[in-house]
């Protein structure tokens, strides 16, 4: 299987895990909040890897440019999360939204090298 479909599958499994974990420990609202946070993280990580992957064998300046753009995408996802936390704090528990985001983002960041090879 190609690296990008494996990444998408891994992200989907992590999203599902976060949603179920939130549901079991905090109820349906917590499960939904964790799923939303995990989805934001998954989208950012998938976009960053898809952007960086073609430049893995490129020259250093091109690789560095793609890497910086990937980091900018991740930072943008953090800003999206912050906006969601502020605007939807009455609907989605902020702690569960942030937990879903961090749980997914950190795992995918540590596993990123497996999807870039």
C-alpha atoms as a PDB file:
ATOM      1  CA  UNK A   1       0.000   0.000   0.000  1.00  0.00           C
ATOM      2  CA  UNK A   2       1.228   3.480  -0.836  1.00  0.00           C
ATOM      3  CA  UNK A   3       2.323   5.794   1.981  1.00  0.00           C
ATOM      4  CA  UNK A   4      -0.479   8.353   1.678  1.00  0.00           C
ATOM      5  CA  UNK A   5      -3.346   5.831   1.878  1.00  0.00           C
ATOM      6  CA  UNK A   6      -1.597   4.246   4.881  1.00  0.00           C
ATOM      7  CA  UNK A   7      -1.388   7.676   6.504  1.00  0.00           C
ATOM      8  CA  UNK A   8      -5.068   8.333   5.846  1.00  0.00           C
ATOM      9  CA  UNK A   9      -5.949   4.920   7.304  1.00  0.00           C
ATOM     10  CA  UNK A  10      -3.795   5.534  10.388  1.00  0.00           C
ATOM     11  CA  UNK A  11      -5.376   8.968  10.856  1.00  0.00           C
ATOM     12  CA  UNK A  12      -8.867   7.516  10.536  1.00  0.00           C
ATOM     13  CA  UNK A  13      -8.099   4.836  13.124  1.00  0.00           C
ATOM     14  CA  UNK A  14      -6.732   7.470  15.511  1.00  0.00           C
ATOM     15  CA  UNK A  15      -9.805   9.652  14.990  1.00  0.00           C
ATOM     16  CA  UNK A  16     -12.062   6.705  15.715  1.00  0.00           C
ATOM     17  CA  UNK A  17     -10.050   5.809  18.811  1.00  0.00           C
ATOM     18  CA  UNK A  18     -10.214   9.382  20.118  1.00  0.00           C
ATOM     19  CA  UNK A  19     -13.942   9.580  19.500  1.00  0.00           C
ATOM     20  CA  UNK A  20     -14.647   6.267  21.227  1.00  0.00           C
ATOM     21  CA  UNK A  21     -12.307   7.112  24.103  1.00  0.00           C
ATOM     22  CA  UNK A  22     -14.076  10.438  24.634  1.00  0.00           C
ATOM     23  CA  UNK A  23     -17.493   8.783  24.370  1.00  0.00           C
ATOM     24  CA  UNK A  24     -16.641   6.094  26.920  1.00  0.00           C
ATOM     25  CA  UNK A  25     -15.112   8.477  29.453  1.00  0.00           C
ATOM     26  CA  UNK A  26     -17.214  11.593  28.939  1.00  0.00           C
ATOM     27  CA  UNK A  27     -20.357  10.739  27.022  1.00  0.00           C
ATOM     28  CA  UNK A  28     -21.560  11.629  23.529  1.00  0.00           C
ATOM     29  CA  UNK A  29     -20.599  15.299  23.688  1.00  0.00           C
ATOM     30  CA  UNK A  30     -17.043  14.471  24.771  1.00  0.00           C
ATOM     31  CA  UNK A  31     -16.794  11.847  22.044  1.00  0.00           C
ATOM     32  CA  UNK A  32     -17.891  14.342  19.408  1.00  0.00           C
ATOM     33  CA  UNK A  33     -15.486  16.975  20.734  1.00  0.00           C
ATOM     34  CA  UNK A  34     -12.554  14.532  20.669  1.00  0.00           C
ATOM     35  CA  UNK A  35     -13.504  13.487  17.149  1.00  0.00           C
ATOM     36  CA  UNK A  36     -13.589  17.113  15.973  1.00  0.00           C
ATOM     37  CA  UNK A  37     -10.165  17.833  17.463  1.00  0.00           C
ATOM     38  CA  UNK A  38      -8.730  14.630  15.996  1.00  0.00           C
ATOM     39  CA  UNK A  39     -10.149  15.483  12.567  1.00  0.00           C
ATOM     40  CA  UNK A  40      -8.488  18.910  12.551  1.00  0.00           C
ATOM     41  CA  UNK A  41      -5.150  17.316  13.459  1.00  0.00           C
ATOM     42  CA  UNK A  42      -5.518  14.560  10.865  1.00  0.00           C
ATOM     43  CA  UNK A  43      -6.304  16.998   8.080  1.00  0.00           C
ATOM     44  CA  UNK A  44      -3.275  19.131   8.906  1.00  0.00           C
ATOM     45  CA  UNK A  45      -0.895  16.209   9.185  1.00  0.00           C
ATOM     46  CA  UNK A  46      -2.086  14.593   5.961  1.00  0.00           C
ATOM     47  CA  UNK A  47      -1.742  17.896   4.092  1.00  0.00           C
ATOM     48  CA  UNK A  48       1.756  18.468   5.487  1.00  0.00           C
ATOM     49  CA  UNK A  49       2.972  14.976   4.556  1.00  0.00           C
ATOM     50  CA  UNK A  50       1.464  15.164   1.060  1.00  0.00           C
ATOM     51  CA  UNK A  51       3.226  18.495   0.582  1.00  0.00           C
ATOM     52  CA  UNK A  52       6.604  17.284   1.857  1.00  0.00           C
ATOM     53  CA  UNK A  53       6.710  13.818   0.320  1.00  0.00           C
ATOM     54  CA  UNK A  54       7.604  14.863  -3.274  1.00  0.00           C
ATOM     55  CA  UNK A  55      10.544  16.926  -1.977  1.00  0.00           C
ATOM     56  CA  UNK A  56      12.203  14.140   0.018  1.00  0.00           C
ATOM     57  CA  UNK A  57      14.923  13.667  -2.624  1.00  0.00           C
ATOM     58  CA  UNK A  58      15.009  17.304  -3.729  1.00  0.00           C
ATOM     59  CA  UNK A  59      17.685  19.860  -3.072  1.00  0.00           C
ATOM     60  CA  UNK A  60      17.991  21.240   0.427  1.00  0.00           C
ATOM     61  CA  UNK A  61      16.352  24.620  -0.317  1.00  0.00           C
ATOM     62  CA  UNK A  62      13.311  22.979  -1.926  1.00  0.00           C
ATOM     63  CA  UNK A  63      13.041  20.418   0.884  1.00  0.00           C
ATOM     64  CA  UNK A  64      13.332  23.143   3.500  1.00  0.00           C
ATOM     65  CA  UNK A  65      10.667  25.244   1.795  1.00  0.00           C
ATOM     66  CA  UNK A  66       8.223  22.323   1.779  1.00  0.00           C
ATOM     67  CA  UNK A  67       9.066  21.474   5.389  1.00  0.00           C
ATOM     68  CA  UNK A  68       8.389  25.062   6.485  1.00  0.00           C
ATOM     69  CA  UNK A  69       5.085  25.059   4.595  1.00  0.00           C
ATOM     70  CA  UNK A  70       4.139  21.832   6.379  1.00  0.00           C
ATOM     71  CA  UNK A  71       4.906  23.422   9.726  1.00  0.00           C
ATOM     72  CA  UNK A  72       2.812  26.443   8.713  1.00  0.00           C
ATOM     73  CA  UNK A  73      -0.093  24.108   7.923  1.00  0.00           C
ATOM     74  CA  UNK A  74       0.237  22.517  11.359  1.00  0.00           C
ATOM     75  CA  UNK A  75       0.330  25.931  13.015  1.00  0.00           C
ATOM     76  CA  UNK A  76      -2.732  26.942  11.004  1.00  0.00           C
ATOM     77  CA  UNK A  77      -4.527  23.878  12.309  1.00  0.00           C
ATOM     78  CA  UNK A  78      -3.649  24.977  15.827  1.00  0.00           C
ATOM     79  CA  UNK A  79      -5.225  28.365  15.092  1.00  0.00           C
ATOM     80  CA  UNK A  80      -8.315  26.616  13.721  1.00  0.00           C
ATOM     81  CA  UNK A  81      -8.467  24.593  16.929  1.00  0.00           C
ATOM     82  CA  UNK A  82      -8.189  27.763  19.008  1.00  0.00           C
ATOM     83  CA  UNK A  83     -11.054  29.363  17.086  1.00  0.00           C
ATOM     84  CA  UNK A  84     -13.163  26.220  17.563  1.00  0.00           C
ATOM     85  CA  UNK A  85     -12.391  26.152  21.277  1.00  0.00           C
ATOM     86  CA  UNK A  86     -13.475  29.767  21.716  1.00  0.00           C
ATOM     87  CA  UNK A  87     -16.537  29.757  19.464  1.00  0.00           C
ATOM     88  CA  UNK A  88     -17.913  26.329  20.375  1.00  0.00           C
ATOM     89  CA  UNK A  89     -17.056  26.193  24.062  1.00  0.00           C
ATOM     90  CA  UNK A  90     -20.751  26.033  24.972  1.00  0.00           C
ATOM     91  CA  UNK A  91     -21.328  23.125  22.571  1.00  0.00           C
ATOM     92  CA  UNK A  92     -18.116  21.089  22.698  1.00  0.00           C
ATOM     93  CA  UNK A  93     -16.041  20.607  25.851  1.00  0.00           C
ATOM     94  CA  UNK A  94     -12.720  22.376  25.209  1.00  0.00           C
ATOM     95  CA  UNK A  95     -10.682  19.808  27.139  1.00  0.00           C
ATOM     96  CA  UNK A  96     -11.931  16.932  24.997  1.00  0.00           C
ATOM     97  CA  UNK A  97     -11.473  18.872  21.773  1.00  0.00           C
ATOM     98  CA  UNK A  98      -7.881  19.680  22.686  1.00  0.00           C
ATOM     99  CA  UNK A  99      -7.250  16.099  23.843  1.00  0.00           C
ATOM    100  CA  UNK A 100      -8.442  14.705  20.519  1.00  0.00           C
ATOM    101  CA  UNK A 101      -6.245  17.169  18.646  1.00  0.00           C
ATOM    102  CA  UNK A 102      -3.126  16.504  20.698  1.00  0.00           C
ATOM    103  CA  UNK A 103      -3.648  12.754  20.840  1.00  0.00           C
ATOM    104  CA  UNK A 104      -3.860  12.508  17.075  1.00  0.00           C
ATOM    105  CA  UNK A 105      -1.279  15.138  16.154  1.00  0.00           C
ATOM    106  CA  UNK A 106       1.429  13.783  18.440  1.00  0.00           C
ATOM    107  CA  UNK A 107       1.010  10.185  17.327  1.00  0.00           C
ATOM    108  CA  UNK A 108       1.030  11.161  13.645  1.00  0.00           C
ATOM    109  CA  UNK A 109       4.052  13.418  14.136  1.00  0.00           C
ATOM    110  CA  UNK A 110       6.034  10.597  15.734  1.00  0.00           C
ATOM    111  CA  UNK A 111       4.954   8.195  12.983  1.00  0.00           C
ATOM    112  CA  UNK A 112       5.608  10.695  10.187  1.00  0.00           C
ATOM    113  CA  UNK A 113       8.938   9.184   9.125  1.00  0.00           C
ATOM    114  CA  UNK A 114       7.218   5.930   8.261  1.00  0.00           C
ATOM    115  CA  UNK A 115       4.983   7.753   5.781  1.00  0.00           C
ATOM    116  CA  UNK A 116       7.736   9.850   4.208  1.00  0.00           C
ATOM    117  CA  UNK A 117      10.010   7.010   3.130  1.00  0.00           C
END
